[in-house]
PDB file of all heavy atoms in Angstrom:
ATOM      1  N   SER A   1      37.806   2.515  47.281  1.00  0.00           N
ATOM      2  CA  SER A   1      36.842   3.529  47.669  1.00  0.00           C
ATOM      3  C   SER A   1      35.628   2.961  48.350  1.00  0.00           C
ATOM      4  O   SER A   1      34.971   3.681  49.045  1.00  0.00           O
ATOM      5  CB  SER A   1      36.389   4.352  46.440  1.00  0.00           C
ATOM      6  OG  SER A   1      35.802   3.480  45.457  1.00  0.00           O
ATOM      7  N   VAL A   2      35.362   1.658  48.256  1.00  0.00           N
ATOM      8  CA  VAL A   2      34.199   1.018  48.850  1.00  0.00           C
ATOM      9  C   VAL A   2      34.566   0.000  49.860  1.00  0.00           C
ATOM     10  O   VAL A   2      33.601  -0.528  50.508  1.00  0.00           O
ATOM     11  CB  VAL A   2      33.257   0.483  47.785  1.00  0.00           C
ATOM     12  CG1 VAL A   2      32.915   1.532  46.695  1.00  0.00           C
ATOM     13  CG2 VAL A   2      33.826  -0.751  47.093  1.00  0.00           C
ATOM     14  N   LYS A   3      35.807  -0.417  49.895  1.00  0.00           N
ATOM     15  CA  LYS A   3      36.196  -1.492  50.800  1.00  0.00           C
ATOM     16  C   LYS A   3      35.825  -1.162  52.182  1.00  0.00           C
ATOM     17  O   LYS A   3      36.064  -0.038  52.726  1.00  0.00           O
ATOM     18  CB  LYS A   3      37.704  -1.771  50.681  1.00  0.00           C
ATOM     19  CG  LYS A   3      38.176  -3.016  51.423  1.00  0.00           C
ATOM     20  CD  LYS A   3      39.689  -3.297  51.088  1.00  0.00           C
ATOM     21  CE  LYS A   3      39.810  -3.658  49.614  1.00  0.00           C
ATOM     22  NZ  LYS A   3      41.215  -4.042  49.279  1.00  0.00           N
ATOM     23  N   GLY A   4      35.236  -2.172  52.903  1.00  0.00           N
ATOM     24  CA  GLY A   4      34.765  -1.952  54.288  1.00  0.00           C
ATOM     25  C   GLY A   4      33.386  -1.460  54.374  1.00  0.00           C
ATOM     26  O   GLY A   4      32.776  -1.555  55.470  1.00  0.00           O
ATOM     27  N   ARG A   5      32.828  -0.988  53.269  1.00  0.00           N
ATOM     28  CA  ARG A   5      31.421  -0.448  53.265  1.00  0.00           C
ATOM     29  C   ARG A   5      30.481  -1.287  52.436  1.00  0.00           C
ATOM     30  O   ARG A   5      29.294  -1.458  52.724  1.00  0.00           O
ATOM     31  CB  ARG A   5      31.419   1.016  52.798  1.00  0.00           C
ATOM     32  CG  ARG A   5      32.170   1.942  53.583  1.00  0.00           C
ATOM     33  CD  ARG A   5      31.996   3.362  53.135  1.00  0.00           C
ATOM     34  NE  ARG A   5      32.456   3.590  51.777  1.00  0.00           N
ATOM     35  CZ  ARG A   5      31.716   3.967  50.765  1.00  0.00           C
ATOM     36  NH1 ARG A   5      30.390   4.305  51.001  1.00  0.00           N
ATOM     37  NH2 ARG A   5      32.198   4.246  49.612  1.00  0.00           N
ATOM     38  N   PHE A   6      31.013  -1.837  51.341  1.00  0.00           N
ATOM     39  CA  PHE A   6      30.195  -2.643  50.398  1.00  0.00           C
ATOM     40  C   PHE A   6      30.526  -4.134  50.444  1.00  0.00           C
ATOM     41  O   PHE A   6      31.682  -4.470  50.760  1.00  0.00           O
ATOM     42  CB  PHE A   6      30.404  -2.211  48.939  1.00  0.00           C
ATOM     43  CG  PHE A   6      29.912  -0.836  48.616  1.00  0.00           C
ATOM     44  CD1 PHE A   6      29.463   0.021  49.550  1.00  0.00           C
ATOM     45  CD2 PHE A   6      29.886  -0.418  47.233  1.00  0.00           C
ATOM     46  CE1 PHE A   6      29.009   1.368  49.227  1.00  0.00           C
ATOM     47  CE2 PHE A   6      29.404   0.823  46.895  1.00  0.00           C
ATOM     48  CZ  PHE A   6      28.979   1.736  47.868  1.00  0.00           C
ATOM     49  N   THR A   7      29.552  -4.967  50.227  1.00  0.00           N
ATOM     50  CA  THR A   7      29.719  -6.371  50.237  1.00  0.00           C
ATOM     51  C   THR A   7      29.039  -7.004  49.029  1.00  0.00           C
ATOM     52  O   THR A   7      27.851  -6.799  48.827  1.00  0.00           O
ATOM     53  CB  THR A   7      29.205  -7.070  51.479  1.00  0.00           C
ATOM     54  OG1 THR A   7      29.852  -6.504  52.668  1.00  0.00           O
ATOM     55  CG2 THR A   7      29.494  -8.535  51.479  1.00  0.00           C
ATOM     56  N   ILE A   8      29.838  -7.691  48.208  1.00  0.00           N
ATOM     57  CA  ILE A   8      29.258  -8.397  47.069  1.00  0.00           C
ATOM     58  C   ILE A   8      29.083  -9.881  47.403  1.00  0.00           C
ATOM     59  O   ILE A   8      29.872 -10.470  48.108  1.00  0.00           O
ATOM     60  CB  ILE A   8      30.142  -8.273  45.826  1.00  0.00           C
ATOM     61  CG1 ILE A   8      29.417  -8.801  44.576  1.00  0.00           C
ATOM     62  CG2 ILE A   8      31.553  -8.917  46.033  1.00  0.00           C
ATOM     63  CD1 ILE A   8      30.204  -8.544  43.287  1.00  0.00           C
ATOM     64  N   SER A   9      27.993 -10.422  46.936  1.00  0.00           N
ATOM     65  CA  SER A   9      27.672 -11.842  47.207  1.00  0.00           C
ATOM     66  C   SER A   9      26.856 -12.349  46.086  1.00  0.00           C
ATOM     67  O   SER A   9      26.327 -11.618  45.208  1.00  0.00           O
ATOM     68  CB  SER A   9      26.957 -11.991  48.554  1.00  0.00           C
ATOM     69  OG  SER A   9      25.710 -11.377  48.549  1.00  0.00           O
ATOM     70  N   ARG A  10      26.643 -13.716  46.034  1.00  0.00           N
ATOM     71  CA  ARG A  10      25.858 -14.304  44.969  1.00  0.00           C
ATOM     72  C   ARG A  10      25.132 -15.490  45.488  1.00  0.00           C
ATOM     73  O   ARG A  10      25.538 -16.134  46.399  1.00  0.00           O
ATOM     74  CB  ARG A  10      26.784 -14.616  43.779  1.00  0.00           C
ATOM     75  CG  ARG A  10      27.752 -15.767  44.094  1.00  0.00           C
ATOM     76  CD  ARG A  10      28.738 -15.912  42.900  1.00  0.00           C
ATOM     77  NE  ARG A  10      28.060 -16.376  41.691  1.00  0.00           N
ATOM     78  CZ  ARG A  10      28.574 -16.341  40.454  1.00  0.00           C
ATOM     79  NH1 ARG A  10      29.798 -15.774  40.278  1.00  0.00           N
ATOM     80  NH2 ARG A  10      27.863 -16.732  39.448  1.00  0.00           N
ATOM     81  N   ASP A  11      24.001 -15.768  44.871  1.00  0.00           N
ATOM     82  CA  ASP A  11      23.249 -16.939  45.113  1.00  0.00           C
ATOM     83  C   ASP A  11      23.042 -17.686  43.833  1.00  0.00           C
ATOM     84  O   ASP A  11      22.203 -17.283  43.011  1.00  0.00           O
ATOM     85  CB  ASP A  11      21.862 -16.538  45.777  1.00  0.00           C
ATOM     86  CG  ASP A  11      21.053 -17.783  46.244  1.00  0.00           C
ATOM     87  OD1 ASP A  11      21.243 -18.865  45.644  1.00  0.00           O
ATOM     88  OD2 ASP A  11      20.166 -17.619  47.084  1.00  0.00           O
ATOM     89  N   ASN A  12      23.816 -18.732  43.613  1.00  0.00           N
ATOM     90  CA  ASN A  12      23.765 -19.415  42.333  1.00  0.00           C
ATOM     91  C   ASN A  12      22.434 -20.081  42.089  1.00  0.00           C
ATOM     92  O   ASN A  12      22.039 -20.236  40.938  1.00  0.00           O
ATOM     93  CB  ASN A  12      24.897 -20.429  42.205  1.00  0.00           C
ATOM     94  CG  ASN A  12      26.254 -19.725  41.940  1.00  0.00           C
ATOM     95  OD1 ASN A  12      26.284 -18.498  41.663  1.00  0.00           O
ATOM     96  ND2 ASN A  12      27.315 -20.467  42.057  1.00  0.00           N
ATOM     97  N   ALA A  13      21.757 -20.493  43.094  1.00  0.00           N
ATOM     98  CA  ALA A  13      20.522 -21.167  42.926  1.00  0.00           C
ATOM     99  C   ALA A  13      19.396 -20.165  42.412  1.00  0.00           C
ATOM    100  O   ALA A  13      18.434 -20.552  41.747  1.00  0.00           O
ATOM    101  CB  ALA A  13      19.990 -21.753  44.278  1.00  0.00           C
ATOM    102  N   LYS A  14      19.600 -18.879  42.813  1.00  0.00           N
ATOM    103  CA  LYS A  14      18.694 -17.852  42.265  1.00  0.00           C
ATOM    104  C   LYS A  14      19.227 -17.036  41.127  1.00  0.00           C
ATOM    105  O   LYS A  14      18.521 -16.176  40.640  1.00  0.00           O
ATOM    106  CB  LYS A  14      18.308 -16.912  43.463  1.00  0.00           C
ATOM    107  CG  LYS A  14      17.622 -17.545  44.636  1.00  0.00           C
ATOM    108  CD  LYS A  14      17.272 -16.498  45.653  1.00  0.00           C
ATOM    109  CE  LYS A  14      16.546 -17.118  46.843  1.00  0.00           C
ATOM    110  NZ  LYS A  14      16.284 -16.080  47.887  1.00  0.00           N
ATOM    111  N   ALA A  15      20.444 -17.410  40.668  1.00  0.00           N
ATOM    112  CA  ALA A  15      21.108 -16.661  39.613  1.00  0.00           C
ATOM    113  C   ALA A  15      21.079 -15.161  39.902  1.00  0.00           C
ATOM    114  O   ALA A  15      20.830 -14.332  39.003  1.00  0.00           O
ATOM    115  CB  ALA A  15      20.435 -16.994  38.238  1.00  0.00           C
ATOM    116  N   THR A  16      21.402 -14.808  41.138  1.00  0.00           N
ATOM    117  CA  THR A  16      21.316 -13.452  41.500  1.00  0.00           C
ATOM    118  C   THR A  16      22.618 -13.065  42.172  1.00  0.00           C
ATOM    119  O   THR A  16      23.165 -13.764  43.033  1.00  0.00           O
ATOM    120  CB  THR A  16      20.164 -13.213  42.492  1.00  0.00           C
ATOM    121  OG1 THR A  16      18.965 -13.581  41.869  1.00  0.00           O
ATOM    122  CG2 THR A  16      20.090 -11.739  42.906  1.00  0.00           C
ATOM    123  N   THR A  17      23.079 -11.780  41.874  1.00  0.00           N
ATOM    124  CA  THR A  17      24.192 -11.169  42.476  1.00  0.00           C
ATOM    125  C   THR A  17      23.731  -9.989  43.298  1.00  0.00           C
ATOM    126  O   THR A  17      22.890  -9.240  42.797  1.00  0.00           O
ATOM    127  CB  THR A  17      25.244 -10.703  41.432  1.00  0.00           C
ATOM    128  OG1 THR A  17      25.478 -11.788  40.516  1.00  0.00           O
ATOM    129  CG2 THR A  17      26.538 -10.310  42.109  1.00  0.00           C
ATOM    130  N   TYR A  18      24.320  -9.785  44.463  1.00  0.00           N
ATOM    131  CA  TYR A  18      23.881  -8.728  45.354  1.00  0.00           C
ATOM    132  C   TYR A  18      25.041  -7.818  45.621  1.00  0.00           C
ATOM    133  O   TYR A  18      26.267  -8.150  45.591  1.00  0.00           O
ATOM    134  CB  TYR A  18      23.410  -9.214  46.712  1.00  0.00           C
ATOM    135  CG  TYR A  18      22.306 -10.291  46.630  1.00  0.00           C
ATOM    136  CD1 TYR A  18      22.546 -11.659  46.544  1.00  0.00           C
ATOM    137  CD2 TYR A  18      20.936  -9.796  46.481  1.00  0.00           C
ATOM    138  CE1 TYR A  18      21.524 -12.556  46.449  1.00  0.00           C
ATOM    139  CE2 TYR A  18      19.922 -10.741  46.331  1.00  0.00           C
ATOM    140  CZ  TYR A  18      20.185 -12.093  46.373  1.00  0.00           C
ATOM    141  OH  TYR A  18      19.136 -12.960  46.238  1.00  0.00           O
ATOM    142  N   LEU A  19      24.715  -6.511  45.937  1.00  0.00           N
ATOM    143  CA  LEU A  19      25.683  -5.604  46.468  1.00  0.00           C
ATOM    144  C   LEU A  19      25.088  -4.856  47.602  1.00  0.00           C
ATOM    145  O   LEU A  19      24.116  -4.100  47.442  1.00  0.00           O
ATOM    146  CB  LEU A  19      26.087  -4.628  45.364  1.00  0.00           C
ATOM    147  CG  LEU A  19      27.260  -3.568  45.768  1.00  0.00           C
ATOM    148  CD1 LEU A  19      28.553  -4.401  45.933  1.00  0.00           C
ATOM    149  CD2 LEU A  19      27.367  -2.477  44.715  1.00  0.00           C
ATOM    150  N   GLN A  20      25.494  -5.229  48.803  1.00  0.00           N
ATOM    151  CA  GLN A  20      25.077  -4.525  50.030  1.00  0.00           C
ATOM    152  C   GLN A  20      25.882  -3.320  50.211  1.00  0.00           C
ATOM    153  O   GLN A  20      27.155  -3.396  50.335  1.00  0.00           O
ATOM    154  CB  GLN A  20      25.153  -5.451  51.191  1.00  0.00           C
ATOM    155  CG  GLN A  20      24.776  -4.818  52.533  1.00  0.00           C
ATOM    156  CD  GLN A  20      23.289  -4.473  52.606  1.00  0.00           C
ATOM    157  OE1 GLN A  20      22.486  -5.277  52.279  1.00  0.00           O
ATOM    158  NE2 GLN A  20      23.013  -3.258  53.013  1.00  0.00           N
ATOM    159  N   MET A  21      25.371  -2.124  50.261  1.00  0.00           N
ATOM    160  CA  MET A  21      26.032  -0.850  50.327  1.00  0.00           C
ATOM    161  C   MET A  21      25.666  -0.218  51.670  1.00  0.00           C
ATOM    162  O   MET A  21      24.504   0.154  51.869  1.00  0.00           O
ATOM    163  CB  MET A  21      25.682   0.052  49.157  1.00  0.00           C
ATOM    164  CG  MET A  21      25.959  -0.595  47.852  1.00  0.00           C
ATOM    165  SD  MET A  21      25.703   0.517  46.445  1.00  0.00           S
ATOM    166  CE  MET A  21      23.943   0.900  46.610  1.00  0.00           C
ATOM    167  N   ASN A  22      26.607  -0.034  52.535  1.00  0.00           N
ATOM    168  CA  ASN A  22      26.409   0.633  53.786  1.00  0.00           C
ATOM    169  C   ASN A  22      27.226   1.907  53.866  1.00  0.00           C
ATOM    170  O   ASN A  22      28.157   2.090  53.133  1.00  0.00           O
ATOM    171  CB  ASN A  22      26.861  -0.286  54.981  1.00  0.00           C
ATOM    172  CG  ASN A  22      26.015  -1.605  54.973  1.00  0.00           C
ATOM    173  OD1 ASN A  22      24.768  -1.604  54.692  1.00  0.00           O
ATOM    174  ND2 ASN A  22      26.617  -2.681  55.391  1.00  0.00           N
ATOM    175  N   SER A  23      26.904   2.722  54.826  1.00  0.00           N
ATOM    176  CA  SER A  23      27.647   3.982  55.032  1.00  0.00           C
ATOM    177  C   SER A  23      27.839   4.743  53.739  1.00  0.00           C
ATOM    178  O   SER A  23      28.934   5.212  53.453  1.00  0.00           O
ATOM    179  CB  SER A  23      28.988   3.714  55.720  1.00  0.00           C
ATOM    180  OG  SER A  23      28.839   2.968  56.927  1.00  0.00           O
ATOM    181  N   LEU A  24      26.762   4.900  53.000  1.00  0.00           N
ATOM    182  CA  LEU A  24      26.828   5.554  51.743  1.00  0.00           C
ATOM    183  C   LEU A  24      27.231   6.957  51.775  1.00  0.00           C
ATOM    184  O   LEU A  24      26.885   7.718  52.717  1.00  0.00           O
ATOM    185  CB  LEU A  24      25.463   5.397  51.041  1.00  0.00           C
ATOM    186  CG  LEU A  24      25.229   4.014  50.475  1.00  0.00           C
ATOM    187  CD1 LEU A  24      23.671   3.827  50.184  1.00  0.00           C
ATOM    188  CD2 LEU A  24      26.039   3.810  49.164  1.00  0.00           C
ATOM    189  N   LYS A  25      27.959   7.374  50.833  1.00  0.00           N
ATOM    190  CA  LYS A  25      28.493   8.744  50.721  1.00  0.00           C
ATOM    191  C   LYS A  25      27.959   9.389  49.399  1.00  0.00           C
ATOM    192  O   LYS A  25      27.685   8.709  48.481  1.00  0.00           O
ATOM    193  CB  LYS A  25      30.027   8.713  50.680  1.00  0.00           C
ATOM    194  CG  LYS A  25      30.654   8.049  51.812  1.00  0.00           C
ATOM    195  CD  LYS A  25      32.207   7.972  51.652  1.00  0.00           C
ATOM    196  CE  LYS A  25      32.886   7.277  52.825  1.00  0.00           C
ATOM    197  NZ  LYS A  25      34.372   7.208  52.631  1.00  0.00           N
ATOM    198  N   PRO A  26      27.934  10.724  49.341  1.00  0.00           N
ATOM    199  CA  PRO A  26      27.490  11.365  48.101  1.00  0.00           C
ATOM    200  C   PRO A  26      28.263  10.961  46.935  1.00  0.00           C
ATOM    201  O   PRO A  26      27.763  10.846  45.786  1.00  0.00           O
ATOM    202  CB  PRO A  26      27.716  12.850  48.425  1.00  0.00           C
ATOM    203  CG  PRO A  26      27.549  12.923  49.899  1.00  0.00           C
ATOM    204  CD  PRO A  26      28.126  11.667  50.450  1.00  0.00           C
ATOM    205  N   GLU A  27      29.537  10.669  47.046  1.00  0.00           N
ATOM    206  CA  GLU A  27      30.394  10.273  45.976  1.00  0.00           C
ATOM    207  C   GLU A  27      30.038   8.844  45.455  1.00  0.00           C
ATOM    208  O   GLU A  27      30.599   8.352  44.427  1.00  0.00           O
ATOM    209  CB  GLU A  27      31.919  10.318  46.239  1.00  0.00           C
ATOM    210  CG  GLU A  27      32.267   9.645  47.621  1.00  0.00           C
ATOM    211  CD  GLU A  27      32.371  10.593  48.709  1.00  0.00           C
ATOM    212  OE1 GLU A  27      31.482  11.354  48.884  1.00  0.00           O
ATOM    213  OE2 GLU A  27      33.322  10.467  49.494  1.00  0.00           O
ATOM    214  N   ASP A  28      29.162   8.117  46.135  1.00  0.00           N
ATOM    215  CA  ASP A  28      28.671   6.809  45.681  1.00  0.00           C
ATOM    216  C   ASP A  28      27.516   7.009  44.645  1.00  0.00           C
ATOM    217  O   ASP A  28      27.146   6.011  44.040  1.00  0.00           O
ATOM    218  CB  ASP A  28      28.112   5.973  46.816  1.00  0.00           C
ATOM    219  CG  ASP A  28      29.276   5.584  47.797  1.00  0.00           C
ATOM    220  OD1 ASP A  28      30.365   5.210  47.320  1.00  0.00           O
ATOM    221  OD2 ASP A  28      29.070   5.592  48.993  1.00  0.00           O
ATOM    222  N   THR A  29      27.059   8.172  44.447  1.00  0.00           N
ATOM    223  CA  THR A  29      25.988   8.467  43.546  1.00  0.00           C
ATOM    224  C   THR A  29      26.452   8.090  42.154  1.00  0.00           C
ATOM    225  O   THR A  29      27.419   8.586  41.634  1.00  0.00           O
ATOM    226  CB  THR A  29      25.528   9.946  43.600  1.00  0.00           C
ATOM    227  OG1 THR A  29      25.029  10.246  44.854  1.00  0.00           O
ATOM    228  CG2 THR A  29      24.530  10.211  42.544  1.00  0.00           C
ATOM    229  N   ALA A  30      25.698   7.229  41.526  1.00  0.00           N
ATOM    230  CA  ALA A  30      26.001   6.652  40.165  1.00  0.00           C
ATOM    231  C   ALA A  30      24.904   5.792  39.747  1.00  0.00           C
ATOM    232  O   ALA A  30      24.076   5.340  40.473  1.00  0.00           O
ATOM    233  CB  ALA A  30      27.353   6.003  40.228  1.00  0.00           C
ATOM    234  N   VAL A  31      25.020   5.377  38.462  1.00  0.00           N
ATOM    235  CA  VAL A  31      24.226   4.249  38.005  1.00  0.00           C
ATOM    236  C   VAL A  31      25.051   2.997  38.100  1.00  0.00           C
ATOM    237  O   VAL A  31      26.257   3.012  37.770  1.00  0.00           O
ATOM    238  CB  VAL A  31      23.821   4.408  36.518  1.00  0.00           C
ATOM    239  CG1 VAL A  31      23.020   3.235  35.943  1.00  0.00           C
ATOM    240  CG2 VAL A  31      23.026   5.704  36.284  1.00  0.00           C
ATOM    241  N   TYR A  32      24.463   1.998  38.738  1.00  0.00           N
ATOM    242  CA  TYR A  32      25.148   0.772  39.061  1.00  0.00           C
ATOM    243  C   TYR A  32      24.773  -0.303  38.073  1.00  0.00           C
ATOM    244  O   TYR A  32      23.591  -0.550  37.872  1.00  0.00           O
ATOM    245  CB  TYR A  32      24.924   0.288  40.483  1.00  0.00           C
ATOM    246  CG  TYR A  32      25.653   1.206  41.534  1.00  0.00           C
ATOM    247  CD1 TYR A  32      25.362   2.476  41.747  1.00  0.00           C
ATOM    248  CD2 TYR A  32      26.726   0.559  42.212  1.00  0.00           C
ATOM    249  CE1 TYR A  32      26.050   3.264  42.617  1.00  0.00           C
ATOM    250  CE2 TYR A  32      27.472   1.433  43.126  1.00  0.00           C
ATOM    251  CZ  TYR A  32      27.094   2.678  43.353  1.00  0.00           C
ATOM    252  OH  TYR A  32      27.802   3.476  44.239  1.00  0.00           O
ATOM    253  N   TYR A  33      25.775  -1.055  37.529  1.00  0.00           N
ATOM    254  CA  TYR A  33      25.576  -2.027  36.504  1.00  0.00           C
ATOM    255  C   TYR A  33      26.218  -3.360  37.005  1.00  0.00           C
ATOM    256  O   TYR A  33      27.299  -3.308  37.692  1.00  0.00           O
ATOM    257  CB  TYR A  33      26.199  -1.695  35.205  1.00  0.00           C
ATOM    258  CG  TYR A  33      25.734  -0.415  34.583  1.00  0.00           C
ATOM    259  CD1 TYR A  33      26.431   0.800  34.945  1.00  0.00           C
ATOM    260  CD2 TYR A  33      24.717  -0.378  33.639  1.00  0.00           C
ATOM    261  CE1 TYR A  33      26.074   2.011  34.404  1.00  0.00           C
ATOM    262  CE2 TYR A  33      24.413   0.827  33.076  1.00  0.00           C
ATOM    263  CZ  TYR A  33      25.004   2.066  33.455  1.00  0.00           C
ATOM    264  OH  TYR A  33      24.622   3.212  32.848  1.00  0.00           O
ATOM    265  N   CYS A  34      25.575  -4.501  36.732  1.00  0.00           N
ATOM    266  CA  CYS A  34      26.297  -5.722  36.900  1.00  0.00           C
ATOM    267  C   CYS A  34      26.886  -6.293  35.607  1.00  0.00           C
ATOM    268  O   CYS A  34      26.348  -5.992  34.560  1.00  0.00           O
ATOM    269  CB  CYS A  34      25.367  -6.796  37.631  1.00  0.00           C
ATOM    270  SG  CYS A  34      23.811  -7.205  36.738  1.00  0.00           S
ATOM    271  N   LYS A  35      27.856  -7.078  35.679  1.00  0.00           N
ATOM    272  CA  LYS A  35      28.530  -7.661  34.579  1.00  0.00           C
ATOM    273  C   LYS A  35      28.844  -9.140  34.782  1.00  0.00           C
ATOM    274  O   LYS A  35      29.352  -9.467  35.868  1.00  0.00           O
ATOM    275  CB  LYS A  35      29.827  -6.877  34.312  1.00  0.00           C
ATOM    276  CG  LYS A  35      30.666  -7.402  33.143  1.00  0.00           C
ATOM    277  CD  LYS A  35      31.950  -6.599  32.990  1.00  0.00           C
ATOM    278  CE  LYS A  35      32.845  -7.225  31.844  1.00  0.00           C
ATOM    279  NZ  LYS A  35      33.399  -8.528  32.219  1.00  0.00           N
ATOM    280  N   ALA A  36      28.548  -9.945  33.782  1.00  0.00           N
ATOM    281  CA  ALA A  36      28.858 -11.302  33.852  1.00  0.00           C
ATOM    282  C   ALA A  36      30.284 -11.612  33.267  1.00  0.00           C
ATOM    283  O   ALA A  36      30.601 -11.185  32.159  1.00  0.00           O
ATOM    284  CB  ALA A  36      27.880 -12.090  33.157  1.00  0.00           C
ATOM    285  N   GLY A  37      31.066 -12.347  33.985  1.00  0.00           N
ATOM    286  CA  GLY A  37      32.409 -12.731  33.488  1.00  0.00           C
ATOM    287  C   GLY A  37      33.396 -11.672  33.861  1.00  0.00           C
ATOM    288  O   GLY A  37      33.132 -10.499  33.896  1.00  0.00           O
ATOM    289  N   LEU A  38      34.647 -12.139  34.053  1.00  0.00           N
ATOM    290  CA  LEU A  38      35.763 -11.231  34.361  1.00  0.00           C
ATOM    291  C   LEU A  38      36.758 -11.296  33.248  1.00  0.00           C
ATOM    292  O   LEU A  38      37.169 -10.216  32.732  1.00  0.00           O
ATOM    293  CB  LEU A  38      36.405 -11.751  35.680  1.00  0.00           C
ATOM    294  CG  LEU A  38      35.519 -11.641  36.964  1.00  0.00           C
ATOM    295  CD1 LEU A  38      36.311 -12.138  38.105  1.00  0.00           C
ATOM    296  CD2 LEU A  38      35.031 -10.241  37.123  1.00  0.00           C
ATOM    297  N   THR A  39      37.200 -12.481  32.801  1.00  0.00           N
ATOM    298  CA  THR A  39      38.078 -12.602  31.624  1.00  0.00           C
ATOM    299  C   THR A  39      37.305 -13.049  30.384  1.00  0.00           C
ATOM    300  O   THR A  39      37.856 -12.947  29.259  1.00  0.00           O
ATOM    301  CB  THR A  39      39.225 -13.591  31.921  1.00  0.00           C
ATOM    302  OG1 THR A  39      38.680 -14.863  32.183  1.00  0.00           O
ATOM    303  CG2 THR A  39      40.043 -13.082  33.118  1.00  0.00           C
ATOM    304  N   GLN A  40      36.123 -13.519  30.521  1.00  0.00           N
ATOM    305  CA  GLN A  40      35.345 -13.984  29.401  1.00  0.00           C
ATOM    306  C   GLN A  40      33.821 -13.734  29.731  1.00  0.00           C
ATOM    307  O   GLN A  40      33.377 -14.074  30.798  1.00  0.00           O
ATOM    308  CB  GLN A  40      35.588 -15.453  29.138  1.00  0.00           C
ATOM    309  CG  GLN A  40      34.755 -16.007  27.971  1.00  0.00           C
ATOM    310  CD  GLN A  40      35.076 -17.460  27.642  1.00  0.00           C
ATOM    311  OE1 GLN A  40      36.059 -18.003  28.138  1.00  0.00           O
ATOM    312  NE2 GLN A  40      34.197 -18.140  26.899  1.00  0.00           N
ATOM    313  N   VAL A  41      33.111 -13.097  28.794  1.00  0.00           N
ATOM    314  CA  VAL A  41      31.725 -12.847  28.988  1.00  0.00           C
ATOM    315  C   VAL A  41      30.908 -13.831  28.241  1.00  0.00           C
ATOM    316  O   VAL A  41      31.344 -14.436  27.247  1.00  0.00           O
ATOM    317  CB  VAL A  41      31.403 -11.429  28.568  1.00  0.00           C
ATOM    318  CG1 VAL A  41      32.201 -10.433  29.285  1.00  0.00           C
ATOM    319  CG2 VAL A  41      31.587 -11.245  27.044  1.00  0.00           C
ATOM    320  N   PRO A  42      29.689 -14.058  28.718  1.00  0.00           N
ATOM    321  CA  PRO A  42      28.754 -14.942  27.980  1.00  0.00           C
ATOM    322  C   PRO A  42      28.511 -14.463  26.508  1.00  0.00           C
ATOM    323  O   PRO A  42      28.458 -13.178  26.292  1.00  0.00           O
ATOM    324  CB  PRO A  42      27.482 -15.002  28.791  1.00  0.00           C
ATOM    325  CG  PRO A  42      27.858 -14.465  30.115  1.00  0.00           C
ATOM    326  CD  PRO A  42      28.998 -13.555  29.882  1.00  0.00           C
ATOM    327  N   ARG A  43      28.346 -15.351  25.617  1.00  0.00           N
ATOM    328  CA  ARG A  43      28.098 -14.938  24.258  1.00  0.00           C
ATOM    329  C   ARG A  43      26.764 -14.074  24.246  1.00  0.00           C
ATOM    330  O   ARG A  43      25.752 -14.491  24.733  1.00  0.00           O
ATOM    331  CB  ARG A  43      27.922 -16.145  23.379  1.00  0.00           C
ATOM    332  CG  ARG A  43      27.718 -15.890  21.892  1.00  0.00           C
ATOM    333  CD  ARG A  43      27.673 -17.050  21.049  1.00  0.00           C
ATOM    334  NE  ARG A  43      26.662 -17.952  21.461  1.00  0.00           N
ATOM    335  CZ  ARG A  43      26.440 -19.127  20.956  1.00  0.00           C
ATOM    336  NH1 ARG A  43      27.191 -19.599  19.940  1.00  0.00           N
ATOM    337  NH2 ARG A  43      25.413 -19.884  21.380  1.00  0.00           N
ATOM    338  N   GLY A  44      26.808 -12.904  23.570  1.00  0.00           N
ATOM    339  CA  GLY A  44      25.700 -12.041  23.472  1.00  0.00           C
ATOM    340  C   GLY A  44      25.528 -11.080  24.620  1.00  0.00           C
ATOM    341  O   GLY A  44      24.566 -10.297  24.601  1.00  0.00           O
TER     342      GLY A  44
END
């Protein structure tokens, strides 16, 4: 649903993850959350 419009990136030196969202649609309306880890999350 977002391919071609959104770009995820990260800057490890800044410990920051970004989500560039272009060509936004009403159906993109939501609360956006970031998550650490895919198969394993940090403790706590």
